[in-house]
Amino acid sequence: MSMAVEDLIRNYIAHNILFSNKGYPYPDDTSFLDNGIVDSINVMEIVMFVEENFHFKVRDEEIIPDNFDSVAALTAYIQRKRTPAVQPGA
């Protein structure tokens, strides 16, 4: 059974950014930036993590707080990108 998107994100941030073995200690809607969880370098690390693990290209204009500022926002962004757009008339 594969891990949920949220679990993958939490694990990545806990281990690679917070350097914690105790897991991700914040609620999923906690702002990464407002709470000092990530800095600009970490954002680029998260972008690379997303591209490598979810197999799509993150466009520069998508690297905004609405998409990358919490576990919940990042999960929603990934789910939107992984769901094919419905074509009109389909």
C-alpha atoms as a PDB file:
ATOM      1  CA  MET A   1       0.000   0.000   0.000  1.00  0.00           C
ATOM      2  CA  SER A   2       1.419   3.368  -0.967  1.00  0.00           C
ATOM      3  CA  MET A   3       1.642   6.302   1.400  1.00  0.00           C
ATOM      4  CA  ALA A   4      -0.808   9.171   1.134  1.00  0.00           C
ATOM      5  CA  VAL A   5       0.493  12.382  -0.418  1.00  0.00           C
ATOM      6  CA  GLU A   6       0.231  14.148   2.950  1.00  0.00           C
ATOM      7  CA  ASP A   7       2.316  11.446   4.634  1.00  0.00           C
ATOM      8  CA  LEU A   8       5.038  11.671   1.994  1.00  0.00           C
ATOM      9  CA  ILE A   9       5.211  15.451   2.409  1.00  0.00           C
ATOM     10  CA  ARG A  10       5.234  15.301   6.212  1.00  0.00           C
ATOM     11  CA  ASN A  11       7.962  12.649   6.212  1.00  0.00           C
ATOM     12  CA  TYR A  12      10.089  14.574   3.713  1.00  0.00           C
ATOM     13  CA  ILE A  13       9.892  17.835   5.665  1.00  0.00           C
ATOM     14  CA  ALA A  14      10.435  16.154   9.031  1.00  0.00           C
ATOM     15  CA  HIS A  15      13.549  14.279   7.874  1.00  0.00           C
ATOM     16  CA  ASN A  16      15.106  16.625   5.301  1.00  0.00           C
ATOM     17  CA  ILE A  17      14.232  20.098   6.556  1.00  0.00           C
ATOM     18  CA  LEU A  18      13.507  19.769  10.278  1.00  0.00           C
ATOM     19  CA  PHE A  19      16.006  16.891  10.706  1.00  0.00           C
ATOM     20  CA  SER A  20      13.567  15.192  13.051  1.00  0.00           C
ATOM     21  CA  ASN A  21      13.015  11.497  13.620  1.00  0.00           C
ATOM     22  CA  LYS A  22       9.859  12.235  15.573  1.00  0.00           C
ATOM     23  CA  GLY A  23       7.729  13.128  12.561  1.00  0.00           C
ATOM     24  CA  TYR A  24       6.148  16.370  11.432  1.00  0.00           C
ATOM     25  CA  PRO A  25       5.010  18.218  14.581  1.00  0.00           C
ATOM     26  CA  TYR A  26       2.564  20.763  13.095  1.00  0.00           C
ATOM     27  CA  PRO A  27      -1.047  20.704  11.870  1.00  0.00           C
ATOM     28  CA  ASP A  28      -1.284  20.334   8.078  1.00  0.00           C
ATOM     29  CA  ASP A  29      -2.530  23.915   7.626  1.00  0.00           C
ATOM     30  CA  THR A  30       0.440  25.491   9.473  1.00  0.00           C
ATOM     31  CA  SER A  31       2.189  28.069   7.268  1.00  0.00           C
ATOM     32  CA  PHE A  32       5.741  27.017   6.455  1.00  0.00           C
ATOM     33  CA  LEU A  33       6.875  30.611   5.940  1.00  0.00           C
ATOM     34  CA  ASP A  34       5.006  32.316   8.796  1.00  0.00           C
ATOM     35  CA  ASN A  35       6.326  29.753  11.268  1.00  0.00           C
ATOM     36  CA  GLY A  36       9.905  29.616  10.002  1.00  0.00           C
ATOM     37  CA  ILE A  37       9.593  25.963   9.014  1.00  0.00           C
ATOM     38  CA  VAL A  38      11.142  26.543   5.577  1.00  0.00           C
ATOM     39  CA  ASP A  39      13.263  29.203   3.917  1.00  0.00           C
ATOM     40  CA  SER A  40      13.732  30.008   0.235  1.00  0.00           C
ATOM     41  CA  ILE A  41      16.339  27.258  -0.205  1.00  0.00           C
ATOM     42  CA  ASN A  42      13.985  24.727   1.378  1.00  0.00           C
ATOM     43  CA  VAL A  43      11.230  25.760  -1.030  1.00  0.00           C
ATOM     44  CA  MET A  44      13.478  24.778  -3.943  1.00  0.00           C
ATOM     45  CA  GLU A  45      14.250  21.469  -2.196  1.00  0.00           C
ATOM     46  CA  ILE A  46      10.506  20.852  -1.854  1.00  0.00           C
ATOM     47  CA  VAL A  47      10.013  21.651  -5.553  1.00  0.00           C
ATOM     48  CA  MET A  48      12.645  19.033  -6.458  1.00  0.00           C
ATOM     49  CA  PHE A  49      11.031  16.542  -4.055  1.00  0.00           C
ATOM     50  CA  VAL A  50       7.633  17.103  -5.716  1.00  0.00           C
ATOM     51  CA  GLU A  51       9.032  16.726  -9.238  1.00  0.00           C
ATOM     52  CA  GLU A  52      10.953  13.554  -8.392  1.00  0.00           C
ATOM     53  CA  ASN A  53       8.211  11.862  -6.378  1.00  0.00           C
ATOM     54  CA  PHE A  54       5.081  12.883  -8.251  1.00  0.00           C
ATOM     55  CA  HIS A  55       6.558  12.941 -11.764  1.00  0.00           C
ATOM     56  CA  PHE A  56       5.509  16.320 -13.084  1.00  0.00           C
ATOM     57  CA  LYS A  57       7.290  19.603 -13.761  1.00  0.00           C
ATOM     58  CA  VAL A  58       6.611  22.476 -11.379  1.00  0.00           C
ATOM     59  CA  ARG A  59       6.428  25.688 -13.396  1.00  0.00           C
ATOM     60  CA  ASP A  60       8.118  28.776 -11.931  1.00  0.00           C
ATOM     61  CA  GLU A  61       4.808  30.650 -11.736  1.00  0.00           C
ATOM     62  CA  GLU A  62       3.378  27.825  -9.596  1.00  0.00           C
ATOM     63  CA  ILE A  63       5.981  28.306  -6.839  1.00  0.00           C
ATOM     64  CA  ILE A  64       3.765  30.549  -4.733  1.00  0.00           C
ATOM     65  CA  PRO A  65       2.523  30.355  -1.136  1.00  0.00           C
ATOM     66  CA  ASP A  66      -0.934  29.250  -2.316  1.00  0.00           C
ATOM     67  CA  ASN A  67       0.716  26.026  -3.521  1.00  0.00           C
ATOM     68  CA  PHE A  68       3.763  25.586  -1.271  1.00  0.00           C
ATOM     69  CA  ASP A  69       3.101  27.157   2.149  1.00  0.00           C
ATOM     70  CA  SER A  70       1.698  24.213   4.124  1.00  0.00           C
ATOM     71  CA  VAL A  71       1.250  20.467   3.960  1.00  0.00           C
ATOM     72  CA  ALA A  72      -2.426  21.032   3.103  1.00  0.00           C
ATOM     73  CA  ALA A  73      -1.662  23.557   0.329  1.00  0.00           C
ATOM     74  CA  LEU A  74       1.052  21.362  -1.159  1.00  0.00           C
ATOM     75  CA  THR A  75      -1.171  18.288  -1.047  1.00  0.00           C
ATOM     76  CA  ALA A  76      -3.985  20.147  -2.828  1.00  0.00           C
ATOM     77  CA  TYR A  77      -1.541  21.449  -5.452  1.00  0.00           C
ATOM     78  CA  ILE A  78      -0.143  17.959  -6.120  1.00  0.00           C
ATOM     79  CA  GLN A  79      -3.635  16.471  -6.373  1.00  0.00           C
ATOM     80  CA  ARG A  80      -4.690  19.180  -8.847  1.00  0.00           C
ATOM     81  CA  LYS A  81      -1.598  18.538 -10.976  1.00  0.00           C
ATOM     82  CA  ARG A  82      -2.089  14.761 -10.931  1.00  0.00           C
ATOM     83  CA  THR A  83      -5.758  14.924 -11.910  1.00  0.00           C
ATOM     84  CA  PRO A  84      -6.151  15.316 -15.672  1.00  0.00           C
ATOM     85  CA  ALA A  85      -8.174  18.353 -16.669  1.00  0.00           C
ATOM     86  CA  VAL A  86     -11.579  17.522 -18.066  1.00  0.00           C
ATOM     87  CA  GLN A  87     -11.695  18.534 -21.682  1.00  0.00           C
ATOM     88  CA  PRO A  88     -14.775  20.468 -22.852  1.00  0.00           C
ATOM     89  CA  GLY A  89     -17.153  18.235 -24.737  1.00  0.00           C
ATOM     90  CA  ALA A  90     -15.608  15.078 -23.322  1.00  0.00           C
END
